[in-house]
Amino acid sequence: MFQRVLDLQLRVLGQDDPDVLRGCSNLANYLGGLGRHAQAAELSAHVLYFKERVLGPEHRDSLRCSGNLALWMGQQGQYAQAAQWLQRILDATRTRFSAAGI
């Protein structure tokens, strides 16, 4: 059911619509919760691509998607790739805080 709603949103609103991306992210988290980590990682990577394209790579929503992708990669035993995503998040967070003088 959820997949059908998401497919309809994709057709009507397009791949980079914020509601569609939120729905895709929710579906990825649901799939991951079911143990379907490879599908969750694939969908998270899709969401991340569009979030970065629309919002930029250092936007908090893009970083949140990066964290989700790292989680699902780690769940599949892809620890090196997960660590790279987590390092990217840490670096972007440090940049944001230092730019704010924190």
N, C-alpha and C. Protein backbone atom coordinates (compact mmCIF):
# COMPACT_ATOMS: atom_id res chain seq x y z
N MET A 1 0.82 -1.20 0.00
CA MET A 1 0.00 0.00 0.00
C MET A 1 0.87 1.27 0.00
N PHE A 2 1.84 1.28 0.92
CA PHE A 2 2.71 2.45 1.01
C PHE A 2 3.45 2.67 -0.29
N GLN A 3 3.90 1.57 -0.90
CA GLN A 3 4.63 1.66 -2.16
C GLN A 3 3.73 2.24 -3.25
N ARG A 4 2.46 1.88 -3.28
CA ARG A 4 1.55 2.41 -4.31
C ARG A 4 1.35 3.91 -4.14
N VAL A 5 1.22 4.36 -2.91
CA VAL A 5 1.07 5.80 -2.65
C VAL A 5 2.33 6.54 -3.09
N LEU A 6 3.47 5.97 -2.76
CA LEU A 6 4.74 6.58 -3.15
C LEU A 6 4.89 6.63 -4.66
N ASP A 7 4.52 5.57 -5.35
CA ASP A 7 4.58 5.55 -6.81
C ASP A 7 3.70 6.64 -7.42
N LEU A 8 2.52 6.83 -6.85
CA LEU A 8 1.62 7.88 -7.33
C LEU A 8 2.23 9.26 -7.09
N GLN A 9 2.79 9.47 -5.91
CA GLN A 9 3.44 10.75 -5.62
C GLN A 9 4.58 11.01 -6.59
N LEU A 10 5.35 9.99 -6.89
CA LEU A 10 6.46 10.15 -7.83
C LEU A 10 5.97 10.59 -9.20
N ARG A 11 4.90 9.97 -9.67
CA ARG A 11 4.35 10.33 -10.99
C ARG A 11 3.80 11.75 -10.99
N VAL A 12 3.12 12.13 -9.93
CA VAL A 12 2.45 13.43 -9.90
C VAL A 12 3.40 14.56 -9.52
N LEU A 13 4.23 14.34 -8.50
CA LEU A 13 5.03 15.42 -7.94
C LEU A 13 6.48 15.45 -8.43
N GLY A 14 6.99 14.31 -8.87
CA GLY A 14 8.37 14.25 -9.34
C GLY A 14 9.33 13.75 -8.26
N GLN A 15 10.50 13.33 -8.71
CA GLN A 15 11.46 12.67 -7.82
C GLN A 15 12.09 13.60 -6.78
N ASP A 16 12.15 14.90 -7.06
CA ASP A 16 12.82 15.77 -6.11
C ASP A 16 11.86 16.59 -5.25
N ASP A 17 10.60 16.21 -5.23
CA ASP A 17 9.63 16.87 -4.36
C ASP A 17 9.92 16.49 -2.90
N PRO A 18 9.92 17.45 -1.97
CA PRO A 18 10.23 17.15 -0.56
C PRO A 18 9.33 16.08 0.05
N ASP A 19 8.05 16.07 -0.29
CA ASP A 19 7.15 15.05 0.26
C ASP A 19 7.49 13.66 -0.29
N VAL A 20 7.84 13.60 -1.55
CA VAL A 20 8.23 12.32 -2.15
C VAL A 20 9.51 11.81 -1.51
N LEU A 21 10.48 12.71 -1.32
CA LEU A 21 11.73 12.31 -0.70
C LEU A 21 11.52 11.84 0.74
N ARG A 22 10.64 12.51 1.45
CA ARG A 22 10.33 12.11 2.83
C ARG A 22 9.68 10.72 2.82
N GLY A 23 8.77 10.50 1.89
CA GLY A 23 8.13 9.19 1.77
C GLY A 23 9.12 8.10 1.42
N CYS A 24 10.04 8.39 0.51
CA CYS A 24 11.08 7.42 0.16
C CYS A 24 11.97 7.11 1.36
N SER A 25 12.31 8.13 2.11
CA SER A 25 13.12 7.93 3.30
C SER A 25 12.39 7.08 4.33
N ASN A 26 11.12 7.35 4.51
CA ASN A 26 10.31 6.55 5.44
C ASN A 26 10.24 5.10 4.99
N LEU A 27 10.07 4.89 3.69
CA LEU A 27 10.01 3.53 3.15
C LEU A 27 11.35 2.83 3.37
N ALA A 28 12.45 3.54 3.14
CA ALA A 28 13.77 2.94 3.36
C ALA A 28 13.92 2.52 4.82
N ASN A 29 13.51 3.36 5.74
CA ASN A 29 13.61 3.01 7.16
C ASN A 29 12.72 1.83 7.50
N TYR A 30 11.55 1.76 6.90
CA TYR A 30 10.64 0.64 7.11
C TYR A 30 11.27 -0.66 6.61
N LEU A 31 11.82 -0.60 5.39
CA LEU A 31 12.47 -1.77 4.81
C LEU A 31 13.64 -2.22 5.68
N GLY A 32 14.43 -1.25 6.13
CA GLY A 32 15.55 -1.59 7.00
C GLY A 32 15.09 -2.25 8.29
N GLY A 33 13.99 -1.75 8.83
CA GLY A 33 13.43 -2.34 10.04
C GLY A 33 12.96 -3.78 9.83
N LEU A 34 12.61 -4.10 8.60
CA LEU A 34 12.19 -5.46 8.27
C LEU A 34 13.39 -6.37 7.99
N GLY A 35 14.58 -5.79 8.06
CA GLY A 35 15.78 -6.57 7.78
C GLY A 35 16.19 -6.56 6.33
N ARG A 36 15.54 -5.77 5.52
CA ARG A 36 15.86 -5.68 4.08
C ARG A 36 16.85 -4.54 3.88
N HIS A 37 18.06 -4.73 4.44
CA HIS A 37 19.05 -3.67 4.52
C HIS A 37 19.57 -3.23 3.15
N ALA A 38 19.71 -4.14 2.22
CA ALA A 38 20.20 -3.77 0.89
C ALA A 38 19.21 -2.85 0.19
N GLN A 39 17.93 -3.16 0.29
CA GLN A 39 16.91 -2.29 -0.32
C GLN A 39 16.87 -0.95 0.39
N ALA A 40 17.02 -0.97 1.70
CA ALA A 40 17.01 0.28 2.47
C ALA A 40 18.19 1.16 2.06
N ALA A 41 19.36 0.55 1.88
CA ALA A 41 20.54 1.32 1.47
C ALA A 41 20.36 1.89 0.07
N GLU A 42 19.83 1.09 -0.83
CA GLU A 42 19.61 1.55 -2.20
C GLU A 42 18.65 2.74 -2.24
N LEU A 43 17.56 2.63 -1.52
CA LEU A 43 16.57 3.71 -1.51
C LEU A 43 17.13 4.94 -0.79
N SER A 44 17.89 4.73 0.28
CA SER A 44 18.52 5.85 0.99
C SER A 44 19.50 6.59 0.09
N ALA A 45 20.26 5.84 -0.72
CA ALA A 45 21.19 6.47 -1.66
C ALA A 45 20.44 7.30 -2.69
N HIS A 46 19.30 6.80 -3.14
CA HIS A 46 18.46 7.53 -4.09
C HIS A 46 17.98 8.85 -3.46
N VAL A 47 17.48 8.77 -2.25
CA VAL A 47 17.01 9.97 -1.54
C VAL A 47 18.16 10.94 -1.35
N LEU A 48 19.31 10.43 -0.94
CA LEU A 48 20.46 11.30 -0.71
C LEU A 48 20.87 12.04 -1.97
N TYR A 49 20.86 11.36 -3.10
CA TYR A 49 21.23 12.01 -4.37
C TYR A 49 20.36 13.24 -4.62
N PHE A 50 19.05 13.08 -4.47
CA PHE A 50 18.15 14.20 -4.74
C PHE A 50 18.20 15.26 -3.65
N LYS A 51 18.36 14.85 -2.39
CA LYS A 51 18.47 15.84 -1.31
C LYS A 51 19.70 16.70 -1.52
N GLU A 52 20.82 16.08 -1.87
CA GLU A 52 22.03 16.85 -2.11
C GLU A 52 21.89 17.76 -3.32
N ARG A 53 21.21 17.27 -4.34
CA ARG A 53 21.01 18.08 -5.55
C ARG A 53 20.14 19.30 -5.26
N VAL A 54 19.10 19.11 -4.46
CA VAL A 54 18.15 20.18 -4.17
C VAL A 54 18.63 21.07 -3.02
N LEU A 55 19.13 20.46 -1.96
CA LEU A 55 19.45 21.20 -0.74
C LEU A 55 20.93 21.47 -0.53
N GLY A 56 21.78 20.68 -1.18
CA GLY A 56 23.22 20.79 -0.98
C GLY A 56 23.71 19.69 -0.04
N PRO A 57 24.98 19.33 -0.17
CA PRO A 57 25.51 18.21 0.60
C PRO A 57 25.66 18.47 2.10
N GLU A 58 25.71 19.73 2.52
CA GLU A 58 25.89 20.03 3.94
C GLU A 58 24.60 20.42 4.65
N HIS A 59 23.48 20.34 3.94
CA HIS A 59 22.19 20.63 4.57
C HIS A 59 21.87 19.53 5.57
N ARG A 60 21.22 19.90 6.67
CA ARG A 60 20.95 18.92 7.73
C ARG A 60 20.13 17.73 7.24
N ASP A 61 19.21 17.93 6.30
CA ASP A 61 18.44 16.80 5.77
C ASP A 61 19.32 15.87 4.93
N SER A 62 20.26 16.46 4.19
CA SER A 62 21.20 15.63 3.42
C SER A 62 22.08 14.84 4.37
N LEU A 63 22.52 15.48 5.44
CA LEU A 63 23.36 14.78 6.41
C LEU A 63 22.59 13.68 7.12
N ARG A 64 21.33 13.92 7.41
CA ARG A 64 20.49 12.89 8.03
C ARG A 64 20.37 11.69 7.10
N CYS A 65 20.18 11.95 5.82
CA CYS A 65 20.10 10.85 4.83
C CYS A 65 21.42 10.11 4.75
N SER A 66 22.52 10.84 4.84
CA SER A 66 23.84 10.19 4.85
C SER A 66 23.96 9.25 6.04
N GLY A 67 23.45 9.68 7.18
CA GLY A 67 23.47 8.83 8.38
C GLY A 67 22.64 7.57 8.19
N ASN A 68 21.49 7.73 7.56
CA ASN A 68 20.66 6.55 7.29
C ASN A 68 21.38 5.58 6.36
N LEU A 69 22.00 6.13 5.33
CA LEU A 69 22.75 5.28 4.39
C LEU A 69 23.88 4.56 5.12
N ALA A 70 24.59 5.27 5.98
CA ALA A 70 25.67 4.64 6.76
C ALA A 70 25.12 3.50 7.63
N LEU A 71 23.97 3.73 8.23
CA LEU A 71 23.35 2.71 9.07
C LEU A 71 23.08 1.44 8.27
N TRP A 72 22.44 1.59 7.12
CA TRP A 72 22.07 0.40 6.33
C TRP A 72 23.29 -0.29 5.74
N MET A 73 24.31 0.49 5.41
CA MET A 73 25.55 -0.13 4.91
C MET A 73 26.21 -0.93 6.03
N GLY A 74 26.24 -0.35 7.22
CA GLY A 74 26.81 -1.05 8.36
C GLY A 74 26.05 -2.33 8.67
N GLN A 75 24.74 -2.28 8.54
CA GLN A 75 23.93 -3.47 8.80
C GLN A 75 24.23 -4.60 7.82
N GLN A 76 24.78 -4.23 6.66
CA GLN A 76 25.15 -5.24 5.66
C GLN A 76 26.60 -5.68 5.80
N GLY A 77 27.30 -5.14 6.80
CA GLY A 77 28.70 -5.49 6.99
C GLY A 77 29.65 -4.66 6.16
N GLN A 78 29.16 -3.62 5.53
CA GLN A 78 29.99 -2.73 4.71
C GLN A 78 30.51 -1.60 5.60
N TYR A 79 31.38 -2.00 6.53
CA TYR A 79 31.81 -1.07 7.59
C TYR A 79 32.69 0.06 7.07
N ALA A 80 33.55 -0.23 6.12
CA ALA A 80 34.42 0.82 5.59
C ALA A 80 33.61 1.92 4.91
N GLN A 81 32.63 1.51 4.10
CA GLN A 81 31.79 2.50 3.42
C GLN A 81 30.94 3.27 4.43
N ALA A 82 30.42 2.58 5.42
CA ALA A 82 29.62 3.24 6.46
C ALA A 82 30.48 4.27 7.19
N ALA A 83 31.70 3.89 7.50
CA ALA A 83 32.61 4.80 8.20
C ALA A 83 32.91 6.04 7.36
N GLN A 84 33.04 5.86 6.05
CA GLN A 84 33.28 7.01 5.17
C GLN A 84 32.11 7.99 5.21
N TRP A 85 30.88 7.46 5.20
CA TRP A 85 29.72 8.34 5.27
C TRP A 85 29.65 9.05 6.61
N LEU A 86 29.96 8.32 7.68
CA LEU A 86 29.94 8.94 9.01
C LEU A 86 31.02 10.00 9.14
N GLN A 87 32.19 9.76 8.56
CA GLN A 87 33.26 10.77 8.58
C GLN A 87 32.83 12.01 7.80
N ARG A 88 32.16 11.80 6.71
CA ARG A 88 31.66 12.93 5.91
C ARG A 88 30.68 13.78 6.72
N ILE A 89 29.80 13.12 7.47
CA ILE A 89 28.85 13.84 8.32
C ILE A 89 29.60 14.63 9.39
N LEU A 90 30.58 14.00 10.02
CA LEU A 90 31.36 14.66 11.07
C LEU A 90 32.08 15.87 10.51
N ASP A 91 32.71 15.73 9.36
CA ASP A 91 33.43 16.85 8.74
C ASP A 91 32.48 18.00 8.41
N ALA A 92 31.33 17.69 7.85
CA ALA A 92 30.36 18.74 7.49
C ALA A 92 29.83 19.43 8.75
N THR A 93 29.61 18.67 9.80
CA THR A 93 29.12 19.25 11.05
C THR A 93 30.17 20.17 11.66
N ARG A 94 31.42 19.73 11.65
CA ARG A 94 32.49 20.59 12.15
C ARG A 94 32.57 21.88 11.36
N THR A 95 32.45 21.78 10.04
CA THR A 95 32.50 22.97 9.18
C THR A 95 31.37 23.93 9.53
N ARG A 96 30.17 23.38 9.71
CA ARG A 96 29.02 24.23 10.03
C ARG A 96 29.19 24.93 11.37
N PHE A 97 29.70 24.19 12.36
CA PHE A 97 29.87 24.79 13.69
C PHE A 97 31.01 25.81 13.69
N SER A 98 32.08 25.53 12.99
CA SER A 98 33.19 26.49 12.98
C SER A 98 32.80 27.75 12.23
N ALA A 99 31.98 27.62 11.18
CA ALA A 99 31.51 28.80 10.46
C ALA A 99 30.60 29.65 11.34
N ALA A 100 29.92 29.00 12.27
CA ALA A 100 29.03 29.73 13.20
C ALA A 100 29.78 30.24 14.41
N GLY A 101 31.08 29.94 14.49
CA GLY A 101 31.87 30.40 15.60
C GLY A 101 31.69 29.59 16.87
N ILE A 102 31.24 28.36 16.71
CA ILE A 102 31.01 27.51 17.88
C ILE A 102 32.17 26.55 18.06
